[in-house]
Amino acid sequence: MKQSVLTRYRVMAYVTAVMLLVLSTCMVFKYGFGKGEDLTFVVSQAHGLLYMVYLVFAFDLGQKARWPFGKLLWILVSGSIPFAAFFVEPKVVAEVKPLIAGDGEDGEGAQGAAGSLSKV
């Protein structure tokens, strides 16, 4: 697995988590104080788009890490629970880092046999 797969996931996990906190704050102001309806709409739309990108990257990482469906589902849902991504992301990184390091040890890495053919 390439490092870029993990990096994409990490960036989107944090961006989605921060946007969810901003959205939660906007919702408090909208429904608690009757202010910021337009801002809440914009933030909710932005979070929705970013969450879809997060889903794609998290699913890609899960497929490459060969996670079981239950684990993948929990990681996908963590992007919609405030503060959850801040706890889930470090655990995901700790689990996936050895998989990335393991690719470099066998000499072929993610390129496989096709990469070694190009060296001839």
PDB file of N, CA and C in Angstrom:
ATOM      1  N   MET A   1       0.849  -1.175   0.000  1.00  0.00           N
ATOM      2  CA  MET A   1       0.000   0.000   0.000  1.00  0.00           C
ATOM      3  C   MET A   1       0.897   1.242   0.000  1.00  0.00           C
ATOM      4  N   LYS A   2       0.489   2.241  -0.704  1.00  0.00           N
ATOM      5  CA  LYS A   2       1.268   3.477  -0.791  1.00  0.00           C
ATOM      6  C   LYS A   2       0.961   4.403   0.378  1.00  0.00           C
ATOM      7  N   GLN A   3       1.935   5.206   0.741  1.00  0.00           N
ATOM      8  CA  GLN A   3       1.782   6.193   1.811  1.00  0.00           C
ATOM      9  C   GLN A   3       0.700   7.203   1.457  1.00  0.00           C
ATOM     10  N   SER A   4       0.553   7.509   0.171  1.00  0.00           N
ATOM     11  CA  SER A   4      -0.432   8.514  -0.253  1.00  0.00           C
ATOM     12  C   SER A   4      -1.864   8.111   0.093  1.00  0.00           C
ATOM     13  N   VAL A   5      -2.143   6.807   0.122  1.00  0.00           N
ATOM     14  CA  VAL A   5      -3.490   6.344   0.474  1.00  0.00           C
ATOM     15  C   VAL A   5      -3.801   6.734   1.917  1.00  0.00           C
ATOM     16  N   LEU A   6      -2.835   6.529   2.812  1.00  0.00           N
ATOM     17  CA  LEU A   6      -3.018   6.901   4.211  1.00  0.00           C
ATOM     18  C   LEU A   6      -3.067   8.422   4.376  1.00  0.00           C
ATOM     19  N   THR A   7      -2.232   9.131   3.653  1.00  0.00           N
ATOM     20  CA  THR A   7      -2.205  10.596   3.759  1.00  0.00           C
ATOM     21  C   THR A   7      -3.535  11.205   3.322  1.00  0.00           C
ATOM     22  N   ARG A   8      -4.087  10.696   2.227  1.00  0.00           N
ATOM     23  CA  ARG A   8      -5.403  11.200   1.771  1.00  0.00           C
ATOM     24  C   ARG A   8      -6.459  10.990   2.841  1.00  0.00           C
ATOM     25  N   TYR A   9      -6.450   9.796   3.423  1.00  0.00           N
ATOM     26  CA  TYR A   9      -7.426   9.489   4.477  1.00  0.00           C
ATOM     27  C   TYR A   9      -7.249  10.436   5.663  1.00  0.00           C
ATOM     28  N   ARG A  10      -6.010  10.614   6.105  1.00  0.00           N
ATOM     29  CA  ARG A  10      -5.744  11.446   7.283  1.00  0.00           C
ATOM     30  C   ARG A  10      -6.204  12.881   7.066  1.00  0.00           C
ATOM     31  N   VAL A  11      -5.872  13.440   5.913  1.00  0.00           N
ATOM     32  CA  VAL A  11      -6.262  14.822   5.624  1.00  0.00           C
ATOM     33  C   VAL A  11      -7.782  14.953   5.628  1.00  0.00           C
ATOM     34  N   MET A  12      -8.458  14.048   4.950  1.00  0.00           N
ATOM     35  CA  MET A  12      -9.914  14.147   4.877  1.00  0.00           C
ATOM     36  C   MET A  12     -10.570  13.840   6.221  1.00  0.00           C
ATOM     37  N   ALA A  13      -9.973  12.971   7.023  1.00  0.00           N
ATOM     38  CA  ALA A  13     -10.531  12.688   8.348  1.00  0.00           C
ATOM     39  C   ALA A  13     -10.522  13.952   9.197  1.00  0.00           C
ATOM     40  N   TYR A  14      -9.400  14.666   9.191  1.00  0.00           N
ATOM     41  CA  TYR A  14      -9.326  15.889   9.993  1.00  0.00           C
ATOM     42  C   TYR A  14     -10.181  17.013   9.412  1.00  0.00           C
ATOM     43  N   VAL A  15     -10.175  17.167   8.110  1.00  0.00           N
ATOM     44  CA  VAL A  15     -10.994  18.218   7.493  1.00  0.00           C
ATOM     45  C   VAL A  15     -12.477  17.962   7.770  1.00  0.00           C
ATOM     46  N   THR A  16     -12.898  16.724   7.611  1.00  0.00           N
ATOM     47  CA  THR A  16     -14.302  16.379   7.864  1.00  0.00           C
ATOM     48  C   THR A  16     -14.656  16.582   9.329  1.00  0.00           C
ATOM     49  N   ALA A  17     -13.756  16.206  10.223  1.00  0.00           N
ATOM     50  CA  ALA A  17     -14.020  16.363  11.658  1.00  0.00           C
ATOM     51  C   ALA A  17     -14.146  17.837  12.046  1.00  0.00           C
ATOM     52  N   VAL A  18     -13.259  18.660  11.526  1.00  0.00           N
ATOM     53  CA  VAL A  18     -13.322  20.096  11.837  1.00  0.00           C
ATOM     54  C   VAL A  18     -14.589  20.705  11.249  1.00  0.00           C
ATOM     55  N   MET A  19     -14.915  20.333  10.011  1.00  0.00           N
ATOM     56  CA  MET A  19     -16.137  20.866   9.410  1.00  0.00           C
ATOM     57  C   MET A  19     -17.386  20.429  10.179  1.00  0.00           C
ATOM     58  N   LEU A  20     -17.366  19.221  10.724  1.00  0.00           N
ATOM     59  CA  LEU A  20     -18.508  18.754  11.510  1.00  0.00           C
ATOM     60  C   LEU A  20     -18.640  19.558  12.802  1.00  0.00           C
ATOM     61  N   LEU A  21     -17.518  19.910  13.406  1.00  0.00           N
ATOM     62  CA  LEU A  21     -17.573  20.748  14.610  1.00  0.00           C
ATOM     63  C   LEU A  21     -18.081  22.152  14.281  1.00  0.00           C
ATOM     64  N   VAL A  22     -17.634  22.689  13.147  1.00  0.00           N
ATOM     65  CA  VAL A  22     -18.129  23.999  12.716  1.00  0.00           C
ATOM     66  C   VAL A  22     -19.628  23.918  12.434  1.00  0.00           C
ATOM     67  N   LEU A  23     -20.055  22.850  11.773  1.00  0.00           N
ATOM     68  CA  LEU A  23     -21.479  22.670  11.483  1.00  0.00           C
ATOM     69  C   LEU A  23     -22.284  22.546  12.776  1.00  0.00           C
ATOM     70  N   SER A  24     -21.766  21.807  13.735  1.00  0.00           N
ATOM     71  CA  SER A  24     -22.465  21.666  15.018  1.00  0.00           C
ATOM     72  C   SER A  24     -22.624  23.015  15.707  1.00  0.00           C
ATOM     73  N   THR A  25     -21.575  23.821  15.660  1.00  0.00           N
ATOM     74  CA  THR A  25     -21.643  25.166  16.249  1.00  0.00           C
ATOM     75  C   THR A  25     -22.681  26.018  15.519  1.00  0.00           C
ATOM     76  N   CYS A  26     -22.672  25.942  14.198  1.00  0.00           N
ATOM     77  CA  CYS A  26     -23.661  26.697  13.416  1.00  0.00           C
ATOM     78  C   CYS A  26     -25.088  26.268  13.755  1.00  0.00           C
ATOM     79  N   MET A  27     -25.273  24.971  13.949  1.00  0.00           N
ATOM     80  CA  MET A  27     -26.619  24.472  14.289  1.00  0.00           C
ATOM     81  C   MET A  27     -27.077  24.994  15.645  1.00  0.00           C
ATOM     82  N   VAL A  28     -26.156  25.087  16.597  1.00  0.00           N
ATOM     83  CA  VAL A  28     -26.505  25.637  17.912  1.00  0.00           C
ATOM     84  C   VAL A  28     -26.955  27.085  17.756  1.00  0.00           C
ATOM     85  N   PHE A  29     -26.228  27.859  16.957  1.00  0.00           N
ATOM     86  CA  PHE A  29     -26.601  29.251  16.757  1.00  0.00           C
ATOM     87  C   PHE A  29     -27.907  29.378  15.978  1.00  0.00           C
ATOM     88  N   LYS A  30     -28.099  28.507  14.989  1.00  0.00           N
ATOM     89  CA  LYS A  30     -29.319  28.589  14.186  1.00  0.00           C
ATOM     90  C   LYS A  30     -30.557  28.240  15.013  1.00  0.00           C
ATOM     91  N   TYR A  31     -30.510  27.113  15.712  1.00  0.00           N
ATOM     92  CA  TYR A  31     -31.702  26.659  16.423  1.00  0.00           C
ATOM     93  C   TYR A  31     -31.776  27.162  17.858  1.00  0.00           C
ATOM     94  N   GLY A  32     -30.641  27.527  18.432  1.00  0.00           N
ATOM     95  CA  GLY A  32     -30.647  28.022  19.808  1.00  0.00           C
ATOM     96  C   GLY A  32     -30.878  29.516  19.912  1.00  0.00           C
ATOM     97  N   PHE A  33     -30.322  30.235  18.938  1.00  0.00           N
ATOM     98  CA  PHE A  33     -30.389  31.700  19.010  1.00  0.00           C
ATOM     99  C   PHE A  33     -31.068  32.332  17.802  1.00  0.00           C
ATOM    100  N   GLY A  34     -31.456  31.528  16.830  1.00  0.00           N
ATOM    101  CA  GLY A  34     -32.150  32.061  15.658  1.00  0.00           C
ATOM    102  C   GLY A  34     -31.265  32.891  14.751  1.00  0.00           C
ATOM    103  N   LYS A  35     -29.968  32.644  14.758  1.00  0.00           N
ATOM    104  CA  LYS A  35     -29.031  33.433  13.943  1.00  0.00           C
ATOM    105  C   LYS A  35     -28.192  32.500  13.083  1.00  0.00           C
ATOM    106  N   GLY A  36     -27.737  33.010  11.940  1.00  0.00           N
ATOM    107  CA  GLY A  36     -26.794  32.285  11.104  1.00  0.00           C
ATOM    108  C   GLY A  36     -27.391  31.215  10.213  1.00  0.00           C
ATOM    109  N   GLU A  37     -28.619  31.421   9.777  1.00  0.00           N
ATOM    110  CA  GLU A  37     -29.270  30.413   8.929  1.00  0.00           C
ATOM    111  C   GLU A  37     -28.531  30.239   7.601  1.00  0.00           C
ATOM    112  N   ASP A  38     -28.104  31.336   6.996  1.00  0.00           N
ATOM    113  CA  ASP A  38     -27.391  31.257   5.714  1.00  0.00           C
ATOM    114  C   ASP A  38     -26.028  30.586   5.880  1.00  0.00           C
ATOM    115  N   LEU A  39     -25.323  30.927   6.934  1.00  0.00           N
ATOM    116  CA  LEU A  39     -24.013  30.314   7.194  1.00  0.00           C
ATOM    117  C   LEU A  39     -24.165  28.816   7.448  1.00  0.00           C
ATOM    118  N   THR A  40     -25.190  28.453   8.181  1.00  0.00           N
ATOM    119  CA  THR A  40     -25.438  27.033   8.453  1.00  0.00           C
ATOM    120  C   THR A  40     -25.686  26.273   7.164  1.00  0.00           C
ATOM    121  N   PHE A  41     -26.408  26.873   6.247  1.00  0.00           N
ATOM    122  CA  PHE A  41     -26.672  26.223   4.963  1.00  0.00           C
ATOM    123  C   PHE A  41     -25.376  25.993   4.191  1.00  0.00           C
ATOM    124  N   VAL A  42     -24.536  27.010   4.129  1.00  0.00           N
ATOM    125  CA  VAL A  42     -23.271  26.901   3.387  1.00  0.00           C
ATOM    126  C   VAL A  42     -22.363  25.863   4.029  1.00  0.00           C
ATOM    127  N   VAL A  43     -22.237  25.904   5.344  1.00  0.00           N
ATOM    128  CA  VAL A  43     -21.365  24.965   6.048  1.00  0.00           C
ATOM    129  C   VAL A  43     -21.888  23.539   5.899  1.00  0.00           C
ATOM    130  N   SER A  44     -23.195  23.361   5.964  1.00  0.00           N
ATOM    131  CA  SER A  44     -23.749  22.010   5.835  1.00  0.00           C
ATOM    132  C   SER A  44     -23.510  21.449   4.436  1.00  0.00           C
ATOM    133  N   GLN A  45     -23.621  22.285   3.420  1.00  0.00           N
ATOM    134  CA  GLN A  45     -23.356  21.832   2.056  1.00  0.00           C
ATOM    135  C   GLN A  45     -21.875  21.470   1.875  1.00  0.00           C
ATOM    136  N   ALA A  46     -20.999  22.312   2.412  1.00  0.00           N
ATOM    137  CA  ALA A  46     -19.559  22.042   2.317  1.00  0.00           C
ATOM    138  C   ALA A  46     -19.202  20.754   3.061  1.00  0.00           C
ATOM    139  N   HIS A  47     -19.758  20.583   4.251  1.00  0.00           N
ATOM    140  CA  HIS A  47     -19.479  19.359   5.015  1.00  0.00           C
ATOM    141  C   HIS A  47     -19.985  18.131   4.272  1.00  0.00           C
ATOM    142  N   GLY A  48     -21.147  18.225   3.667  1.00  0.00           N
ATOM    143  CA  GLY A  48     -21.693  17.095   2.921  1.00  0.00           C
ATOM    144  C   GLY A  48     -20.802  16.674   1.763  1.00  0.00           C
ATOM    145  N   LEU A  49     -20.301  17.648   1.012  1.00  0.00           N
ATOM    146  CA  LEU A  49     -19.398  17.336  -0.095  1.00  0.00           C
ATOM    147  C   LEU A  49     -18.085  16.739   0.417  1.00  0.00           C
ATOM    148  N   LEU A  50     -17.523  17.355   1.442  1.00  0.00           N
ATOM    149  CA  LEU A  50     -16.261  16.849   1.991  1.00  0.00           C
ATOM    150  C   LEU A  50     -16.437  15.466   2.611  1.00  0.00           C
ATOM    151  N   TYR A  51     -17.588  15.206   3.211  1.00  0.00           N
ATOM    152  CA  TYR A  51     -17.842  13.901   3.792  1.00  0.00           C
ATOM    153  C   TYR A  51     -17.902  12.818   2.705  1.00  0.00           C
ATOM    154  N   MET A  52     -18.457  13.160   1.546  1.00  0.00           N
ATOM    155  CA  MET A  52     -18.477  12.188   0.447  1.00  0.00           C
ATOM    156  C   MET A  52     -17.062  11.858  -0.021  1.00  0.00           C
ATOM    157  N   VAL A  53     -16.195  12.862  -0.076  1.00  0.00           N
ATOM    158  CA  VAL A  53     -14.794  12.617  -0.436  1.00  0.00           C
ATOM    159  C   VAL A  53     -14.132  11.751   0.638  1.00  0.00           C
ATOM    160  N   TYR A  54     -14.420  12.053   1.905  1.00  0.00           N
ATOM    161  CA  TYR A  54     -13.889  11.250   3.015  1.00  0.00           C
ATOM    162  C   TYR A  54     -14.337   9.796   2.884  1.00  0.00           C
ATOM    163  N   LEU A  55     -15.588   9.564   2.545  1.00  0.00           N
ATOM    164  CA  LEU A  55     -16.096   8.205   2.384  1.00  0.00           C
ATOM    165  C   LEU A  55     -15.319   7.436   1.318  1.00  0.00           C
ATOM    166  N   VAL A  56     -15.045   8.092   0.209  1.00  0.00           N
ATOM    167  CA  VAL A  56     -14.307   7.443  -0.879  1.00  0.00           C
ATOM    168  C   VAL A  56     -12.891   7.087  -0.419  1.00  0.00           C
ATOM    169  N   PHE A  57     -12.206   8.033   0.231  1.00  0.00           N
ATOM    170  CA  PHE A  57     -10.829   7.782   0.662  1.00  0.00           C
ATOM    171  C   PHE A  57     -10.765   6.747   1.780  1.00  0.00           C
ATOM    172  N   ALA A  58     -11.711   6.798   2.709  1.00  0.00           N
ATOM    173  CA  ALA A  58     -11.728   5.816   3.799  1.00  0.00           C
ATOM    174  C   ALA A  58     -12.051   4.427   3.253  1.00  0.00           C
ATOM    175  N   PHE A  59     -12.968   4.348   2.307  1.00  0.00           N
ATOM    176  CA  PHE A  59     -13.297   3.060   1.697  1.00  0.00           C
ATOM    177  C   PHE A  59     -12.092   2.502   0.944  1.00  0.00           C
ATOM    178  N   ASP A  60     -11.388   3.357   0.217  1.00  0.00           N
ATOM    179  CA  ASP A  60     -10.193   2.937  -0.510  1.00  0.00           C
ATOM    180  C   ASP A  60      -9.137   2.394   0.456  1.00  0.00           C
ATOM    181  N   LEU A  61      -8.918   3.110   1.549  1.00  0.00           N
ATOM    182  CA  LEU A  61      -7.957   2.653   2.551  1.00  0.00           C
ATOM    183  C   LEU A  61      -8.397   1.326   3.159  1.00  0.00           C
ATOM    184  N   GLY A  62      -9.675   1.206   3.463  1.00  0.00           N
ATOM    185  CA  GLY A  62     -10.195  -0.027   4.047  1.00  0.00           C
ATOM    186  C   GLY A  62     -10.057  -1.219   3.123  1.00  0.00           C
ATOM    187  N   GLN A  63     -10.263  -1.001   1.839  1.00  0.00           N
ATOM    188  CA  GLN A  63     -10.112  -2.091   0.879  1.00  0.00           C
ATOM    189  C   GLN A  63      -8.657  -2.533   0.763  1.00  0.00           C
ATOM    190  N   LYS A  64      -7.761  -1.564   0.747  1.00  0.00           N
ATOM    191  CA  LYS A  64      -6.342  -1.899   0.624  1.00  0.00           C
ATOM    192  C   LYS A  64      -5.781  -2.514   1.903  1.00  0.00           C
ATOM    193  N   ALA A  65      -6.355  -2.137   3.051  1.00  0.00           N
ATOM    194  CA  ALA A  65      -5.918  -2.715   4.329  1.00  0.00           C
ATOM    195  C   ALA A  65      -6.654  -4.021   4.621  1.00  0.00           C
ATOM    196  N   ARG A  66      -7.638  -4.371   3.791  1.00  0.00           N
ATOM    197  CA  ARG A  66      -8.427  -5.600   3.930  1.00  0.00           C
ATOM    198  C   ARG A  66      -9.148  -5.683   5.278  1.00  0.00           C
ATOM    199  N   TRP A  67      -9.814  -4.570   5.635  1.00  0.00           N
ATOM    200  CA  TRP A  67     -10.569  -4.537   6.882  1.00  0.00           C
ATOM    201  C   TRP A  67     -11.869  -5.306   6.714  1.00  0.00           C
ATOM    202  N   PRO A  68     -12.352  -5.916   7.792  1.00  0.00           N
ATOM    203  CA  PRO A  68     -13.689  -6.522   7.740  1.00  0.00           C
ATOM    204  C   PRO A  68     -14.753  -5.423   7.627  1.00  0.00           C
ATOM    205  N   PHE A  69     -15.937  -5.799   7.171  1.00  0.00           N
ATOM    206  CA  PHE A  69     -16.994  -4.819   6.910  1.00  0.00           C
ATOM    207  C   PHE A  69     -17.366  -4.007   8.146  1.00  0.00           C
ATOM    208  N   GLY A  70     -17.442  -4.644   9.308  1.00  0.00           N
ATOM    209  CA  GLY A  70     -17.825  -3.933  10.531  1.00  0.00           C
ATOM    210  C   GLY A  70     -16.848  -2.825  10.885  1.00  0.00           C
ATOM    211  N   LYS A  71     -15.579  -3.106  10.753  1.00  0.00           N
ATOM    212  CA  LYS A  71     -14.564  -2.092  11.042  1.00  0.00           C
ATOM    213  C   LYS A  71     -14.638  -0.952  10.028  1.00  0.00           C
ATOM    214  N   LEU A  72     -14.764  -1.302   8.766  1.00  0.00           N
ATOM    215  CA  LEU A  72     -14.879  -0.290   7.725  1.00  0.00           C
ATOM    216  C   LEU A  72     -16.101   0.586   7.962  1.00  0.00           C
ATOM    217  N   LEU A  73     -17.209  -0.015   8.324  1.00  0.00           N
ATOM    218  CA  LEU A  73     -18.431   0.746   8.588  1.00  0.00           C
ATOM    219  C   LEU A  73     -18.231   1.716   9.752  1.00  0.00           C
ATOM    220  N   TRP A  74     -17.578   1.273  10.828  1.00  0.00           N
ATOM    221  CA  TRP A  74     -17.332   2.152  11.977  1.00  0.00           C
ATOM    222  C   TRP A  74     -16.473   3.344  11.557  1.00  0.00           C
ATOM    223  N   ILE A  75     -15.459   3.111  10.739  1.00  0.00           N
ATOM    224  CA  ILE A  75     -14.588   4.206  10.310  1.00  0.00           C
ATOM    225  C   ILE A  75     -15.340   5.158   9.388  1.00  0.00           C
ATOM    226  N   LEU A  76     -16.191   4.628   8.539  1.00  0.00           N
ATOM    227  CA  LEU A  76     -16.988   5.490   7.666  1.00  0.00           C
ATOM    228  C   LEU A  76     -17.959   6.346   8.479  1.00  0.00           C
ATOM    229  N   VAL A  77     -18.586   5.768   9.482  1.00  0.00           N
ATOM    230  CA  VAL A  77     -19.563   6.486  10.305  1.00  0.00           C
ATOM    231  C   VAL A  77     -18.873   7.494  11.231  1.00  0.00           C
ATOM    232  N   SER A  78     -17.627   7.252  11.594  1.00  0.00           N
ATOM    233  CA  SER A  78     -16.941   8.159  12.522  1.00  0.00           C
ATOM    234  C   SER A  78     -16.823   9.579  11.966  1.00  0.00           C
ATOM    235  N   GLY A  79     -16.936   9.732  10.664  1.00  0.00           N
ATOM    236  CA  GLY A  79     -16.911  11.065  10.067  1.00  0.00           C
ATOM    237  C   GLY A  79     -18.189  11.847  10.291  1.00  0.00           C
ATOM    238  N   SER A  80     -19.208  11.202  10.834  1.00  0.00           N
ATOM    239  CA  SER A  80     -20.472  11.900  11.083  1.00  0.00           C
ATOM    240  C   SER A  80     -20.781  12.049  12.572  1.00  0.00           C
ATOM    241  N   ILE A  81     -19.859  11.635  13.427  1.00  0.00           N
ATOM    242  CA  ILE A  81     -20.028  11.772  14.876  1.00  0.00           C
ATOM    243  C   ILE A  81     -19.021  12.808  15.369  1.00  0.00           C
ATOM    244  N   PRO A  82     -19.494  13.907  15.967  1.00  0.00           N
ATOM    245  CA  PRO A  82     -18.548  14.928  16.424  1.00  0.00           C
ATOM    246  C   PRO A  82     -17.486  14.346  17.356  1.00  0.00           C
ATOM    247  N   PHE A  83     -16.258  14.720  17.128  1.00  0.00           N
ATOM    248  CA  PHE A  83     -15.063  14.331  17.885  1.00  0.00           C
ATOM    249  C   PHE A  83     -14.613  12.889  17.638  1.00  0.00           C
ATOM    250  N   ALA A  84     -15.419  12.044  17.030  1.00  0.00           N
ATOM    251  CA  ALA A  84     -15.038  10.637  16.857  1.00  0.00           C
ATOM    252  C   ALA A  84     -13.812  10.485  15.967  1.00  0.00           C
ATOM    253  N   ALA A  85     -13.741  11.253  14.899  1.00  0.00           N
ATOM    254  CA  ALA A  85     -12.615  11.121  13.976  1.00  0.00           C
ATOM    255  C   ALA A  85     -11.283  11.445  14.650  1.00  0.00           C
ATOM    256  N   PHE A  86     -11.299  12.318  15.660  1.00  0.00           N
ATOM    257  CA  PHE A  86     -10.063  12.661  16.359  1.00  0.00           C
ATOM    258  C   PHE A  86      -9.538  11.494  17.187  1.00  0.00           C
ATOM    259  N   PHE A  87     -10.403  10.551  17.520  1.00  0.00           N
ATOM    260  CA  PHE A  87      -9.989   9.364  18.271  1.00  0.00           C
ATOM    261  C   PHE A  87      -9.751   8.173  17.351  1.00  0.00           C
ATOM    262  N   VAL A  88     -10.509   8.083  16.278  1.00  0.00           N
ATOM    263  CA  VAL A  88     -10.396   6.948  15.366  1.00  0.00           C
ATOM    264  C   VAL A  88      -9.161   7.078  14.469  1.00  0.00           C
ATOM    265  N   GLU A  89      -8.882   8.279  13.993  1.00  0.00           N
ATOM    266  CA  GLU A  89      -7.793   8.478  13.037  1.00  0.00           C
ATOM    267  C   GLU A  89      -6.434   8.016  13.569  1.00  0.00           C
ATOM    268  N   PRO A  90      -6.035   8.352  14.798  1.00  0.00           N
ATOM    269  CA  PRO A  90      -4.727   7.857  15.278  1.00  0.00           C
ATOM    270  C   PRO A  90      -4.666   6.328  15.362  1.00  0.00           C
ATOM    271  N   LYS A  91      -5.782   5.693  15.684  1.00  0.00           N
ATOM    272  CA  LYS A  91      -5.804   4.227  15.741  1.00  0.00           C
ATOM    273  C   LYS A  91      -5.660   3.630  14.345  1.00  0.00           C
ATOM    274  N   VAL A  92      -6.309   4.253  13.379  1.00  0.00           N
ATOM    275  CA  VAL A  92      -6.198   3.784  11.997  1.00  0.00           C
ATOM    276  C   VAL A  92      -4.752   3.924  11.526  1.00  0.00           C
ATOM    277  N   VAL A  93      -4.139   5.053  11.813  1.00  0.00           N
ATOM    278  CA  VAL A  93      -2.751   5.284  11.395  1.00  0.00           C
ATOM    279  C   VAL A  93      -1.827   4.251  12.030  1.00  0.00           C
ATOM    280  N   ALA A  94      -2.011   3.984  13.324  1.00  0.00           N
ATOM    281  CA  ALA A  94      -1.160   3.005  14.008  1.00  0.00           C
ATOM    282  C   ALA A  94      -1.321   1.613  13.398  1.00  0.00           C
ATOM    283  N   GLU A  95      -2.501   1.296  12.928  1.00  0.00           N
ATOM    284  CA  GLU A  95      -2.741  -0.019  12.334  1.00  0.00           C
ATOM    285  C   GLU A  95      -2.218  -0.120  10.905  1.00  0.00           C
ATOM    286  N   VAL A  96      -2.298   0.984  10.153  1.00  0.00           N
ATOM    287  CA  VAL A  96      -1.946   0.941   8.738  1.00  0.00           C
ATOM    288  C   VAL A  96      -0.454   1.176   8.503  1.00  0.00           C
ATOM    289  N   LYS A  97       0.223   1.903   9.376  1.00  0.00           N
ATOM    290  CA  LYS A  97       1.660   2.187   9.194  1.00  0.00           C
ATOM    291  C   LYS A  97       2.475   0.917   8.968  1.00  0.00           C
ATOM    292  N   PRO A  98       2.277  -0.163   9.754  1.00  0.00           N
ATOM    293  CA  PRO A  98       3.059  -1.380   9.483  1.00  0.00           C
ATOM    294  C   PRO A  98       2.780  -1.978   8.095  1.00  0.00           C
ATOM    295  N   LEU A  99       1.574  -1.806   7.590  1.00  0.00           N
ATOM    296  CA  LEU A  99       1.260  -2.318   6.251  1.00  0.00           C
ATOM    297  C   LEU A  99       2.035  -1.558   5.181  1.00  0.00           C
ATOM    298  N   ILE A 100       2.207  -0.254   5.399  1.00  0.00           N
ATOM    299  CA  ILE A 100       2.975   0.557   4.453  1.00  0.00           C
ATOM    300  C   ILE A 100       4.449   0.195   4.552  1.00  0.00           C
ATOM    301  N   ALA A 101       4.954   0.064   5.782  1.00  0.00           N
ATOM    302  CA  ALA A 101       6.355  -0.298   5.974  1.00  0.00           C
ATOM    303  C   ALA A 101       6.629  -1.693   5.425  1.00  0.00           C
ATOM    304  N   GLY A 102       5.671  -2.604   5.551  1.00  0.00           N
ATOM    305  CA  GLY A 102       5.831  -3.965   5.064  1.00  0.00           C
ATOM    306  C   GLY A 102       5.961  -4.042   3.557  1.00  0.00           C
ATOM    307  N   ASP A 103       5.378  -3.098   2.843  1.00  0.00           N
ATOM    308  CA  ASP A 103       5.475  -3.095   1.384  1.00  0.00           C
ATOM    309  C   ASP A 103       6.900  -2.831   0.910  1.00  0.00           C
ATOM    310  N   GLY A 104       7.632  -2.034   1.645  1.00  0.00           N
ATOM    311  CA  GLY A 104       8.989  -1.706   1.235  1.00  0.00           C
ATOM    312  C   GLY A 104       9.992  -2.798   1.538  1.00  0.00           C
ATOM    313  N   GLU A 105       9.669  -3.730   2.422  1.00  0.00           N
ATOM    314  CA  GLU A 105      10.619  -4.752   2.853  1.00  0.00           C
ATOM    315  C   GLU A 105      10.834  -5.845   1.817  1.00  0.00           C
ATOM    316  N   ASP A 106       9.816  -6.174   1.033  1.00  0.00           N
ATOM    317  CA  ASP A 106       9.953  -7.299   0.112  1.00  0.00           C
ATOM    318  C   ASP A 106      10.611  -6.916  -1.208  1.00  0.00           C
ATOM    319  N   GLY A 107      10.937  -5.633  -1.364  1.00  0.00           N
ATOM    320  CA  GLY A 107      11.652  -5.205  -2.552  1.00  0.00           C
ATOM    321  C   GLY A 107      10.754  -4.863  -3.721  1.00  0.00           C
ATOM    322  N   GLU A 108       9.543  -5.374  -3.735  1.00  0.00           N
ATOM    323  CA  GLU A 108       8.662  -5.099  -4.861  1.00  0.00           C
ATOM    324  C   GLU A 108       7.635  -4.031  -4.529  1.00  0.00           C
ATOM    325  N   GLY A 109       7.187  -3.962  -3.287  1.00  0.00           N
ATOM    326  CA  GLY A 109       6.231  -2.950  -2.864  1.00  0.00           C
ATOM    327  C   GLY A 109       4.910  -3.082  -3.594  1.00  0.00           C
ATOM    328  N   ALA A 110       4.260  -1.943  -3.807  1.00  0.00           N
ATOM    329  CA  ALA A 110       2.936  -1.952  -4.418  1.00  0.00           C
ATOM    330  C   ALA A 110       3.002  -2.201  -5.922  1.00  0.00           C
ATOM    331  N   GLN A 111       4.194  -2.064  -6.525  1.00  0.00           N
ATOM    332  CA  GLN A 111       4.294  -2.254  -7.965  1.00  0.00           C
ATOM    333  C   GLN A 111       4.229  -3.726  -8.344  1.00  0.00           C
ATOM    334  N   GLY A 112       4.664  -4.595  -7.455  1.00  0.00           N
ATOM    335  CA  GLY A 112       4.611  -6.029  -7.716  1.00  0.00           C
ATOM    336  C   GLY A 112       5.593  -6.435  -8.789  1.00  0.00           C
ATOM    337  N   ALA A 113       5.290  -7.500  -9.498  1.00  0.00           N
ATOM    338  CA  ALA A 113       6.184  -8.053 -10.497  1.00  0.00           C
ATOM    339  C   ALA A 113       6.369  -7.111 -11.676  1.00  0.00           C
ATOM    340  N   ALA A 114       5.355  -6.339 -12.006  1.00  0.00           N
ATOM    341  CA  ALA A 114       5.470  -5.426 -13.138  1.00  0.00           C
ATOM    342  C   ALA A 114       6.545  -4.383 -12.891  1.00  0.00           C
ATOM    343  N   GLY A 115       6.692  -3.961 -11.646  1.00  0.00           N
ATOM    344  CA  GLY A 115       7.732  -2.987 -11.317  1.00  0.00           C
ATOM    345  C   GLY A 115       9.118  -3.572 -11.457  1.00  0.00           C
ATOM    346  N   SER A 116       9.298  -4.846 -11.152  1.00  0.00           N
ATOM    347  CA  SER A 116      10.615  -5.450 -11.262  1.00  0.00           C
ATOM    348  C   SER A 116      10.958  -5.740 -12.730  1.00  0.00           C
ATOM    349  N   LEU A 117       9.952  -5.888 -13.589  1.00  0.00           N
ATOM    350  CA  LEU A 117      10.224  -6.092 -14.986  1.00  0.00           C
ATOM    351  C   LEU A 117      10.797  -4.835 -15.632  1.00  0.00           C
ATOM    352  N   SER A 118      10.365  -3.684 -15.171  1.00  0.00           N
ATOM    353  CA  SER A 118      10.852  -2.449 -15.761  1.00  0.00           C
ATOM    354  C   SER A 118      12.299  -2.159 -15.391  1.00  0.00           C
ATOM    355  N   LYS A 119      12.816  -2.844 -14.366  1.00  0.00           N
ATOM    356  CA  LYS A 119      14.199  -2.635 -13.949  1.00  0.00           C
ATOM    357  C   LYS A 119      15.172  -3.414 -14.825  1.00  0.00           C
ATOM    358  N   VAL A 120      14.680  -4.373 -15.610  1.00  0.00           N
ATOM    359  CA  VAL A 120      15.556  -5.251 -16.407  1.00  0.00           C
ATOM    360  C   VAL A 120      16.098  -4.531 -17.604  1.00  0.00           C
TER     361      VAL A 120
END
